[in-house]
PDB file of N, CA and C in Angstrom:
ATOM      1  N   UNK A   1     101.664  93.012 106.737  1.00  0.00           N
ATOM      2  CA  UNK A   1     100.636  92.105 106.298  1.00  0.00           C
ATOM      3  C   UNK A   1      99.413  92.902 105.882  1.00  0.00           C
ATOM      4  N   UNK A   2      98.845  92.536 104.755  1.00  0.00           N
ATOM      5  CA  UNK A   2      97.670  93.231 104.253  1.00  0.00           C
ATOM      6  C   UNK A   2      96.425  92.796 105.015  1.00  0.00           C
ATOM      7  N   UNK A   3      95.543  93.735 105.208  1.00  0.00           N
ATOM      8  CA  UNK A   3      94.289  93.432 105.873  1.00  0.00           C
ATOM      9  C   UNK A   3      93.267  92.877 104.889  1.00  0.00           C
ATOM     10  N   UNK A   4      93.575  92.926 103.607  1.00  0.00           N
ATOM     11  CA  UNK A   4      92.654  92.480 102.574  1.00  0.00           C
ATOM     12  C   UNK A   4      93.215  91.238 101.892  1.00  0.00           C
ATOM     13  N   UNK A   5      92.351  90.313 101.556  1.00  0.00           N
ATOM     14  CA  UNK A   5      92.770  89.128 100.815  1.00  0.00           C
ATOM     15  C   UNK A   5      92.926  89.415  99.330  1.00  0.00           C
ATOM     16  N   UNK A   6      92.425  90.548  98.886  1.00  0.00           N
ATOM     17  CA  UNK A   6      92.498  90.910  97.479  1.00  0.00           C
ATOM     18  C   UNK A   6      93.836  91.577  97.188  1.00  0.00           C
ATOM     19  N   UNK A   7      94.397  91.310  96.013  1.00  0.00           N
ATOM     20  CA  UNK A   7      95.675  91.961  95.684  1.00  0.00           C
ATOM     21  C   UNK A   7      95.487  93.462  95.528  1.00  0.00           C
ATOM     22  N   UNK A   8      96.547  94.202  95.792  1.00  0.00           N
ATOM     23  CA  UNK A   8      96.502  95.653  95.666  1.00  0.00           C
ATOM     24  C   UNK A   8      96.876  96.007  94.225  1.00  0.00           C
ATOM     25  N   UNK A   9      95.987  95.688  93.335  1.00  0.00           N
ATOM     26  CA  UNK A   9      96.170  95.991  91.920  1.00  0.00           C
ATOM     27  C   UNK A   9      94.877  96.580  91.391  1.00  0.00           C
ATOM     28  N   UNK A  10      94.980  97.220  90.253  1.00  0.00           N
ATOM     29  CA  UNK A  10      93.800  97.806  89.634  1.00  0.00           C
ATOM     30  C   UNK A  10      93.164  96.777  88.704  1.00  0.00           C
ATOM     31  N   UNK A  11      91.885  96.728  88.733  1.00  0.00           N
ATOM     32  CA  UNK A  11      91.142  95.833  87.858  1.00  0.00           C
ATOM     33  C   UNK A  11      90.378  96.624  86.814  1.00  0.00           C
ATOM     34  N   UNK A  12      89.587  95.921  86.042  1.00  0.00           N
ATOM     35  CA  UNK A  12      88.783  96.574  85.027  1.00  0.00           C
ATOM     36  C   UNK A  12      87.870  97.601  85.684  1.00  0.00           C
ATOM     37  N   UNK A  13      87.825  98.779  85.142  1.00  0.00           N
ATOM     38  CA  UNK A  13      86.999  99.839  85.700  1.00  0.00           C
ATOM     39  C   UNK A  13      87.695 100.653  86.769  1.00  0.00           C
ATOM     40  N   UNK A  14      88.924 100.284  87.126  1.00  0.00           N
ATOM     41  CA  UNK A  14      89.656 100.981  88.181  1.00  0.00           C
ATOM     42  C   UNK A  14      90.740 101.902  87.638  1.00  0.00           C
ATOM     43  N   UNK A  15      90.660 102.249  86.374  1.00  0.00           N
ATOM     44  CA  UNK A  15      91.728 103.034  85.773  1.00  0.00           C
ATOM     45  C   UNK A  15      91.815 104.445  86.348  1.00  0.00           C
ATOM     46  N   UNK A  16      90.705 104.995  86.768  1.00  0.00           N
ATOM     47  CA  UNK A  16      90.679 106.376  87.259  1.00  0.00           C
ATOM     48  C   UNK A  16      90.997 106.406  88.742  1.00  0.00           C
ATOM     49  N   UNK A  17      92.225 106.832  89.057  1.00  0.00           N
ATOM     50  CA  UNK A  17      92.598 106.910  90.468  1.00  0.00           C
ATOM     51  C   UNK A  17      92.644 108.353  90.954  1.00  0.00           C
ATOM     52  N   UNK A  18      91.979 109.248  90.220  1.00  0.00           N
ATOM     53  CA  UNK A  18      91.965 110.648  90.633  1.00  0.00           C
ATOM     54  C   UNK A  18      91.361 110.758  92.028  1.00  0.00           C
ATOM     55  N   UNK A  19      91.884 111.656  92.776  1.00  0.00           N
ATOM     56  CA  UNK A  19      91.410 111.845  94.139  1.00  0.00           C
ATOM     57  C   UNK A  19      92.184 111.045  95.167  1.00  0.00           C
ATOM     58  N   UNK A  20      93.224 110.333  94.739  1.00  0.00           N
ATOM     59  CA  UNK A  20      93.973 109.520  95.699  1.00  0.00           C
ATOM     60  C   UNK A  20      94.647 110.389  96.752  1.00  0.00           C
ATOM     61  N   UNK A  21      94.967 111.643  96.386  1.00  0.00           N
ATOM     62  CA  UNK A  21      95.650 112.514  97.341  1.00  0.00           C
ATOM     63  C   UNK A  21      94.776 112.801  98.561  1.00  0.00           C
ATOM     64  N   UNK A  22      93.471 112.917  98.342  1.00  0.00           N
ATOM     65  CA  UNK A  22      92.566 113.158  99.478  1.00  0.00           C
ATOM     66  C   UNK A  22      92.564 111.976 100.437  1.00  0.00           C
ATOM     67  N   UNK A  23      92.485 110.777  99.884  1.00  0.00           N
ATOM     68  CA  UNK A  23      92.508 109.576 100.723  1.00  0.00           C
ATOM     69  C   UNK A  23      93.844 109.460 101.444  1.00  0.00           C
ATOM     70  N   UNK A  24      94.923 109.765 100.736  1.00  0.00           N
ATOM     71  CA  UNK A  24      96.271 109.706 101.294  1.00  0.00           C
ATOM     72  C   UNK A  24      96.409 110.683 102.466  1.00  0.00           C
ATOM     73  N   UNK A  25      96.026 111.924 102.233  1.00  0.00           N
ATOM     74  CA  UNK A  25      96.141 112.948 103.272  1.00  0.00           C
ATOM     75  C   UNK A  25      95.266 112.612 104.476  1.00  0.00           C
ATOM     76  N   UNK A  26      94.063 112.148 104.220  1.00  0.00           N
ATOM     77  CA  UNK A  26      93.168 111.859 105.338  1.00  0.00           C
ATOM     78  C   UNK A  26      93.663 110.656 106.145  1.00  0.00           C
ATOM     79  N   UNK A  27      94.271 109.684 105.489  1.00  0.00           N
ATOM     80  CA  UNK A  27      94.828 108.545 106.228  1.00  0.00           C
ATOM     81  C   UNK A  27      95.873 109.021 107.229  1.00  0.00           C
ATOM     82  N   UNK A  28      96.676 110.004 106.827  1.00  0.00           N
ATOM     83  CA  UNK A  28      97.668 110.564 107.757  1.00  0.00           C
ATOM     84  C   UNK A  28      96.982 111.333 108.880  1.00  0.00           C
ATOM     85  N   UNK A  29      95.923 112.056 108.561  1.00  0.00           N
ATOM     86  CA  UNK A  29      95.196 112.789 109.592  1.00  0.00           C
ATOM     87  C   UNK A  29      94.589 111.831 110.610  1.00  0.00           C
ATOM     88  N   UNK A  30      94.022 110.733 110.124  1.00  0.00           N
ATOM     89  CA  UNK A  30      93.448 109.732 111.023  1.00  0.00           C
ATOM     90  C   UNK A  30      94.548 109.091 111.863  1.00  0.00           C
ATOM     91  N   UNK A  31      95.680 108.799 111.233  1.00  0.00           N
ATOM     92  CA  UNK A  31      96.796 108.164 111.936  1.00  0.00           C
ATOM     93  C   UNK A  31      97.340 109.054 113.047  1.00  0.00           C
ATOM     94  N   UNK A  32      97.269 110.362 112.876  1.00  0.00           N
ATOM     95  CA  UNK A  32      97.787 111.298 113.875  1.00  0.00           C
ATOM     96  C   UNK A  32      96.791 111.604 114.983  1.00  0.00           C
ATOM     97  N   UNK A  33      95.536 111.362 114.728  1.00  0.00           N
ATOM     98  CA  UNK A  33      94.515 111.754 115.700  1.00  0.00           C
ATOM     99  C   UNK A  33      94.262 110.638 116.703  1.00  0.00           C
ATOM    100  N   UNK A  34      93.705 111.045 117.813  1.00  0.00           N
ATOM    101  CA  UNK A  34      93.251 110.083 118.812  1.00  0.00           C
ATOM    102  C   UNK A  34      91.738 110.068 118.694  1.00  0.00           C
ATOM    103  N   UNK A  35      91.223 108.925 118.356  1.00  0.00           N
ATOM    104  CA  UNK A  35      89.780 108.858 118.186  1.00  0.00           C
ATOM    105  C   UNK A  35      89.372 107.598 117.475  1.00  0.00           C
ATOM    106  N   UNK A  36      88.247 107.687 116.850  1.00  0.00           N
ATOM    107  CA  UNK A  36      87.623 106.534 116.221  1.00  0.00           C
ATOM    108  C   UNK A  36      88.245 106.256 114.856  1.00  0.00           C
ATOM    109  N   UNK A  37      89.108 105.240 114.804  1.00  0.00           N
ATOM    110  CA  UNK A  37      89.734 104.871 113.533  1.00  0.00           C
ATOM    111  C   UNK A  37      88.693 104.379 112.533  1.00  0.00           C
ATOM    112  N   UNK A  38      87.669 103.694 113.022  1.00  0.00           N
ATOM    113  CA  UNK A  38      86.625 103.180 112.126  1.00  0.00           C
ATOM    114  C   UNK A  38      85.970 104.323 111.365  1.00  0.00           C
ATOM    115  N   UNK A  39      85.669 105.420 112.055  1.00  0.00           N
ATOM    116  CA  UNK A  39      85.079 106.582 111.378  1.00  0.00           C
ATOM    117  C   UNK A  39      86.051 107.138 110.349  1.00  0.00           C
ATOM    118  N   UNK A  40      87.336 107.157 110.673  1.00  0.00           N
ATOM    119  CA  UNK A  40      88.346 107.631 109.731  1.00  0.00           C
ATOM    120  C   UNK A  40      88.426 106.770 108.494  1.00  0.00           C
ATOM    121  N   UNK A  41      88.294 105.462 108.659  1.00  0.00           N
ATOM    122  CA  UNK A  41      88.302 104.549 107.519  1.00  0.00           C
ATOM    123  C   UNK A  41      87.101 104.834 106.616  1.00  0.00           C
ATOM    124  N   UNK A  42      85.947 105.023 107.213  1.00  0.00           N
ATOM    125  CA  UNK A  42      84.744 105.350 106.433  1.00  0.00           C
ATOM    126  C   UNK A  42      84.948 106.667 105.686  1.00  0.00           C
ATOM    127  N   UNK A  43      85.571 107.632 106.335  1.00  0.00           N
ATOM    128  CA  UNK A  43      85.840 108.919 105.680  1.00  0.00           C
ATOM    129  C   UNK A  43      86.796 108.746 104.502  1.00  0.00           C
ATOM    130  N   UNK A  44      87.811 107.889 104.643  1.00  0.00           N
ATOM    131  CA  UNK A  44      88.712 107.605 103.521  1.00  0.00           C
ATOM    132  C   UNK A  44      87.918 107.033 102.349  1.00  0.00           C
ATOM    133  N   UNK A  45      87.026 106.104 102.639  1.00  0.00           N
ATOM    134  CA  UNK A  45      86.199 105.512 101.580  1.00  0.00           C
ATOM    135  C   UNK A  45      85.325 106.564 100.909  1.00  0.00           C
ATOM    136  N   UNK A  46      84.767 107.450 101.699  1.00  0.00           N
ATOM    137  CA  UNK A  46      83.916 108.501 101.135  1.00  0.00           C
ATOM    138  C   UNK A  46      84.732 109.478 100.287  1.00  0.00           C
ATOM    139  N   UNK A  47      85.920 109.851 100.762  1.00  0.00           N
ATOM    140  CA  UNK A  47      86.767 110.762  99.999  1.00  0.00           C
ATOM    141  C   UNK A  47      87.205 110.141  98.675  1.00  0.00           C
ATOM    142  N   UNK A  48      87.290 108.825  98.642  1.00  0.00           N
ATOM    143  CA  UNK A  48      87.645 108.112  97.402  1.00  0.00           C
ATOM    144  C   UNK A  48      86.408 107.853  96.547  1.00  0.00           C
ATOM    145  N   UNK A  49      85.260 108.342  96.986  1.00  0.00           N
ATOM    146  CA  UNK A  49      83.988 108.160  96.273  1.00  0.00           C
ATOM    147  C   UNK A  49      83.687 106.688  96.033  1.00  0.00           C
ATOM    148  N   UNK A  50      84.037 105.878  97.032  1.00  0.00           N
ATOM    149  CA  UNK A  50      83.770 104.438  97.002  1.00  0.00           C
ATOM    150  C   UNK A  50      84.422 103.748  95.801  1.00  0.00           C
ATOM    151  N   UNK A  51      85.533 104.321  95.343  1.00  0.00           N
ATOM    152  CA  UNK A  51      86.288 103.724  94.242  1.00  0.00           C
ATOM    153  C   UNK A  51      87.584 103.146  94.812  1.00  0.00           C
ATOM    154  N   UNK A  52      87.905 101.941  94.417  1.00  0.00           N
ATOM    155  CA  UNK A  52      89.060 101.228  94.956  1.00  0.00           C
ATOM    156  C   UNK A  52      90.373 101.828  94.471  1.00  0.00           C
ATOM    157  N   UNK A  53      90.410 102.284  93.226  1.00  0.00           N
ATOM    158  CA  UNK A  53      91.662 102.766  92.630  1.00  0.00           C
ATOM    159  C   UNK A  53      92.318 103.894  93.431  1.00  0.00           C
ATOM    160  N   UNK A  54      91.578 104.916  93.870  1.00  0.00           N
ATOM    161  CA  UNK A  54      92.247 105.961  94.655  1.00  0.00           C
ATOM    162  C   UNK A  54      92.837 105.445  95.968  1.00  0.00           C
ATOM    163  N   UNK A  55      92.161 104.499  96.601  1.00  0.00           N
ATOM    164  CA  UNK A  55      92.670 103.949  97.855  1.00  0.00           C
ATOM    165  C   UNK A  55      93.926 103.117  97.578  1.00  0.00           C
ATOM    166  N   UNK A  56      93.915 102.344  96.485  1.00  0.00           N
ATOM    167  CA  UNK A  56      95.108 101.562  96.107  1.00  0.00           C
ATOM    168  C   UNK A  56      96.289 102.480  95.807  1.00  0.00           C
ATOM    169  N   UNK A  57      96.047 103.561  95.096  1.00  0.00           N
ATOM    170  CA  UNK A  57      97.130 104.487  94.751  1.00  0.00           C
ATOM    171  C   UNK A  57      97.656 105.190  96.001  1.00  0.00           C
ATOM    172  N   UNK A  58      96.753 105.580  96.889  1.00  0.00           N
ATOM    173  CA  UNK A  58      97.180 106.201  98.145  1.00  0.00           C
ATOM    174  C   UNK A  58      98.028 105.225  98.946  1.00  0.00           C
ATOM    175  N   UNK A  59      97.610 103.968  98.975  1.00  0.00           N
ATOM    176  CA  UNK A  59      98.361 102.951  99.709  1.00  0.00           C
ATOM    177  C   UNK A  59      99.735 102.714  99.076  1.00  0.00           C
ATOM    178  N   UNK A  60      99.797 102.682  97.763  1.00  0.00           N
ATOM    179  CA  UNK A  60     101.071 102.477  97.073  1.00  0.00           C
ATOM    180  C   UNK A  60     102.049 103.613  97.388  1.00  0.00           C
ATOM    181  N   UNK A  61     101.554 104.832  97.405  1.00  0.00           N
ATOM    182  CA  UNK A  61     102.408 105.972  97.731  1.00  0.00           C
ATOM    183  C   UNK A  61     102.863 105.922  99.186  1.00  0.00           C
ATOM    184  N   UNK A  62     101.982 105.525 100.052  1.00  0.00           N
ATOM    185  CA  UNK A  62     102.330 105.394 101.473  1.00  0.00           C
ATOM    186  C   UNK A  62     103.397 104.307 101.633  1.00  0.00           C
ATOM    187  N   UNK A  63     103.223 103.202 100.936  1.00  0.00           N
ATOM    188  CA  UNK A  63     104.195 102.124 100.983  1.00  0.00           C
ATOM    189  C   UNK A  63     105.561 102.549 100.460  1.00  0.00           C
ATOM    190  N   UNK A  64     105.556 103.410  99.439  1.00  0.00           N
ATOM    191  CA  UNK A  64     106.817 103.907  98.884  1.00  0.00           C
ATOM    192  C   UNK A  64     107.581 104.720  99.931  1.00  0.00           C
ATOM    193  N   UNK A  65     106.868 105.486 100.741  1.00  0.00           N
ATOM    194  CA  UNK A  65     107.527 106.221 101.823  1.00  0.00           C
ATOM    195  C   UNK A  65     108.145 105.261 102.836  1.00  0.00           C
ATOM    196  N   UNK A  66     107.430 104.168 103.118  1.00  0.00           N
ATOM    197  CA  UNK A  66     107.929 103.217 104.107  1.00  0.00           C
ATOM    198  C   UNK A  66     109.171 102.477 103.617  1.00  0.00           C
ATOM    199  N   UNK A  67     109.333 102.340 102.316  1.00  0.00           N
ATOM    200  CA  UNK A  67     110.548 101.715 101.794  1.00  0.00           C
ATOM    201  C   UNK A  67     111.754 102.561 102.176  1.00  0.00           C
ATOM    202  N   UNK A  68     111.604 103.865 102.051  1.00  0.00           N
ATOM    203  CA  UNK A  68     112.698 104.782 102.355  1.00  0.00           C
ATOM    204  C   UNK A  68     112.871 104.999 103.865  1.00  0.00           C
ATOM    205  N   UNK A  69     111.761 105.027 104.586  1.00  0.00           N
ATOM    206  CA  UNK A  69     111.778 105.299 106.028  1.00  0.00           C
ATOM    207  C   UNK A  69     110.967 104.222 106.760  1.00  0.00           C
ATOM    208  N   UNK A  70     111.492 103.018 106.884  1.00  0.00           N
ATOM    209  CA  UNK A  70     110.707 101.902 107.427  1.00  0.00           C
ATOM    210  C   UNK A  70     110.290 102.056 108.895  1.00  0.00           C
ATOM    211  N   UNK A  71     110.951 102.910 109.630  1.00  0.00           N
ATOM    212  CA  UNK A  71     110.618 103.071 111.049  1.00  0.00           C
ATOM    213  C   UNK A  71     109.667 104.234 111.313  1.00  0.00           C
ATOM    214  N   UNK A  72     109.133 104.837 110.273  1.00  0.00           N
ATOM    215  CA  UNK A  72     108.236 105.980 110.430  1.00  0.00           C
ATOM    216  C   UNK A  72     106.874 105.489 110.928  1.00  0.00           C
ATOM    217  N   UNK A  73     106.621 105.692 112.191  1.00  0.00           N
ATOM    218  CA  UNK A  73     105.392 105.200 112.827  1.00  0.00           C
ATOM    219  C   UNK A  73     104.157 105.844 112.210  1.00  0.00           C
ATOM    220  N   UNK A  74     104.216 107.134 111.962  1.00  0.00           N
ATOM    221  CA  UNK A  74     103.065 107.851 111.401  1.00  0.00           C
ATOM    222  C   UNK A  74     102.674 107.277 110.039  1.00  0.00           C
ATOM    223  N   UNK A  75     103.657 107.028 109.199  1.00  0.00           N
ATOM    224  CA  UNK A  75     103.377 106.468 107.873  1.00  0.00           C
ATOM    225  C   UNK A  75     102.862 105.036 108.002  1.00  0.00           C
ATOM    226  N   UNK A  76     103.424 104.286 108.919  1.00  0.00           N
ATOM    227  CA  UNK A  76     102.935 102.923 109.156  1.00  0.00           C
ATOM    228  C   UNK A  76     101.484 102.911 109.609  1.00  0.00           C
ATOM    229  N   UNK A  77     101.124 103.860 110.459  1.00  0.00           N
ATOM    230  CA  UNK A  77      99.731 103.965 110.911  1.00  0.00           C
ATOM    231  C   UNK A  77      98.808 104.368 109.768  1.00  0.00           C
ATOM    232  N   UNK A  78      99.266 105.272 108.919  1.00  0.00           N
ATOM    233  CA  UNK A  78      98.463 105.673 107.761  1.00  0.00           C
ATOM    234  C   UNK A  78      98.270 104.494 106.815  1.00  0.00           C
ATOM    235  N   UNK A  79      99.312 103.699 106.629  1.00  0.00           N
ATOM    236  CA  UNK A  79      99.206 102.507 105.786  1.00  0.00           C
ATOM    237  C   UNK A  79      98.177 101.541 106.357  1.00  0.00           C
ATOM    238  N   UNK A  80      98.162 101.396 107.684  1.00  0.00           N
ATOM    239  CA  UNK A  80      97.178 100.534 108.325  1.00  0.00           C
ATOM    240  C   UNK A  80      95.751 101.026 108.067  1.00  0.00           C
ATOM    241  N   UNK A  81      95.551 102.333 108.107  1.00  0.00           N
ATOM    242  CA  UNK A  81      94.230 102.904 107.826  1.00  0.00           C
ATOM    243  C   UNK A  81      93.813 102.584 106.390  1.00  0.00           C
ATOM    244  N   UNK A  82      94.735 102.746 105.455  1.00  0.00           N
ATOM    245  CA  UNK A  82      94.420 102.466 104.053  1.00  0.00           C
ATOM    246  C   UNK A  82      94.184 100.974 103.829  1.00  0.00           C
ATOM    247  N   UNK A  83      94.968 100.116 104.475  1.00  0.00           N
ATOM    248  CA  UNK A  83      94.726  98.673 104.393  1.00  0.00           C
ATOM    249  C   UNK A  83      93.333  98.324 104.898  1.00  0.00           C
ATOM    250  N   UNK A  84      92.986  98.950 105.995  1.00  0.00           N
ATOM    251  CA  UNK A  84      91.663  98.677 106.576  1.00  0.00           C
ATOM    252  C   UNK A  84      90.548  99.184 105.668  1.00  0.00           C
ATOM    253  N   UNK A  85      90.754 100.320 105.024  1.00  0.00           N
ATOM    254  CA  UNK A  85      89.759 100.832 104.077  1.00  0.00           C
ATOM    255  C   UNK A  85      89.581  99.853 102.919  1.00  0.00           C
ATOM    256  N   UNK A  86      90.697  99.317 102.418  1.00  0.00           N
ATOM    257  CA  UNK A  86      90.608  98.330 101.337  1.00  0.00           C
ATOM    258  C   UNK A  86      89.894  97.067 101.802  1.00  0.00           C
ATOM    259  N   UNK A  87      90.244  96.590 102.986  1.00  0.00           N
ATOM    260  CA  UNK A  87      89.613  95.369 103.503  1.00  0.00           C
ATOM    261  C   UNK A  87      88.117  95.566 103.730  1.00  0.00           C
ATOM    262  N   UNK A  88      87.754  96.698 104.334  1.00  0.00           N
ATOM    263  CA  UNK A  88      86.332  96.969 104.581  1.00  0.00           C
ATOM    264  C   UNK A  88      85.566  97.125 103.274  1.00  0.00           C
ATOM    265  N   UNK A  89      86.181  97.807 102.309  1.00  0.00           N
ATOM    266  CA  UNK A  89      85.533  97.961 101.000  1.00  0.00           C
ATOM    267  C   UNK A  89      85.364  96.641 100.286  1.00  0.00           C
ATOM    268  N   UNK A  90      86.380  95.772 100.374  1.00  0.00           N
ATOM    269  CA  UNK A  90      86.291  94.455  99.751  1.00  0.00           C
ATOM    270  C   UNK A  90      85.234  93.597 100.430  1.00  0.00           C
ATOM    271  N   UNK A  91      85.240  93.605 101.745  1.00  0.00           N
ATOM    272  CA  UNK A  91      84.294  92.780 102.497  1.00  0.00           C
ATOM    273  C   UNK A  91      82.860  93.241 102.285  1.00  0.00           C
ATOM    274  N   UNK A  92      82.679  94.551 102.195  1.00  0.00           N
ATOM    275  CA  UNK A  92      81.330  95.087 102.029  1.00  0.00           C
ATOM    276  C   UNK A  92      80.879  95.205 100.585  1.00  0.00           C
ATOM    277  N   UNK A  93      81.766  94.863  99.658  1.00  0.00           N
ATOM    278  CA  UNK A  93      81.456  94.966  98.216  1.00  0.00           C
ATOM    279  C   UNK A  93      80.897  96.350  97.880  1.00  0.00           C
ATOM    280  N   UNK A  94      81.575  97.380  98.365  1.00  0.00           N
ATOM    281  CA  UNK A  94      81.059  98.741  98.205  1.00  0.00           C
ATOM    282  C   UNK A  94      81.610  99.468  96.984  1.00  0.00           C
ATOM    283  N   UNK A  95      82.600  98.885  96.320  1.00  0.00           N
ATOM    284  CA  UNK A  95      83.287  99.603  95.242  1.00  0.00           C
ATOM    285  C   UNK A  95      82.375  99.881  94.078  1.00  0.00           C
ATOM    286  N   UNK A  96      82.552 101.077  93.525  1.00  0.00           N
ATOM    287  CA  UNK A  96      81.798 101.478  92.323  1.00  0.00           C
ATOM    288  C   UNK A  96      82.558 101.086  91.100  1.00  0.00           C
TER     289      UNK A  96
END
């Protein structure tokens, strides 16, 4: 279940998804660590430069891994971090 009410699609102005790898990698780092997930979500948003497209692309790639390996807990946790980043960004209207 998505944490965001907004669809995971790119809209006008979201064509540039460069930097998605940083958000993707950091979501896995947050998922593996014991600590403040909220801070990790904020870091994902910062690494994406407050742009929705990189977070959407990172989430899509994470989801693709889960299709192949649905029981991978680490990937599922990373997906949750990215979902939360999207939800927080949508709720806070922070996207550039």
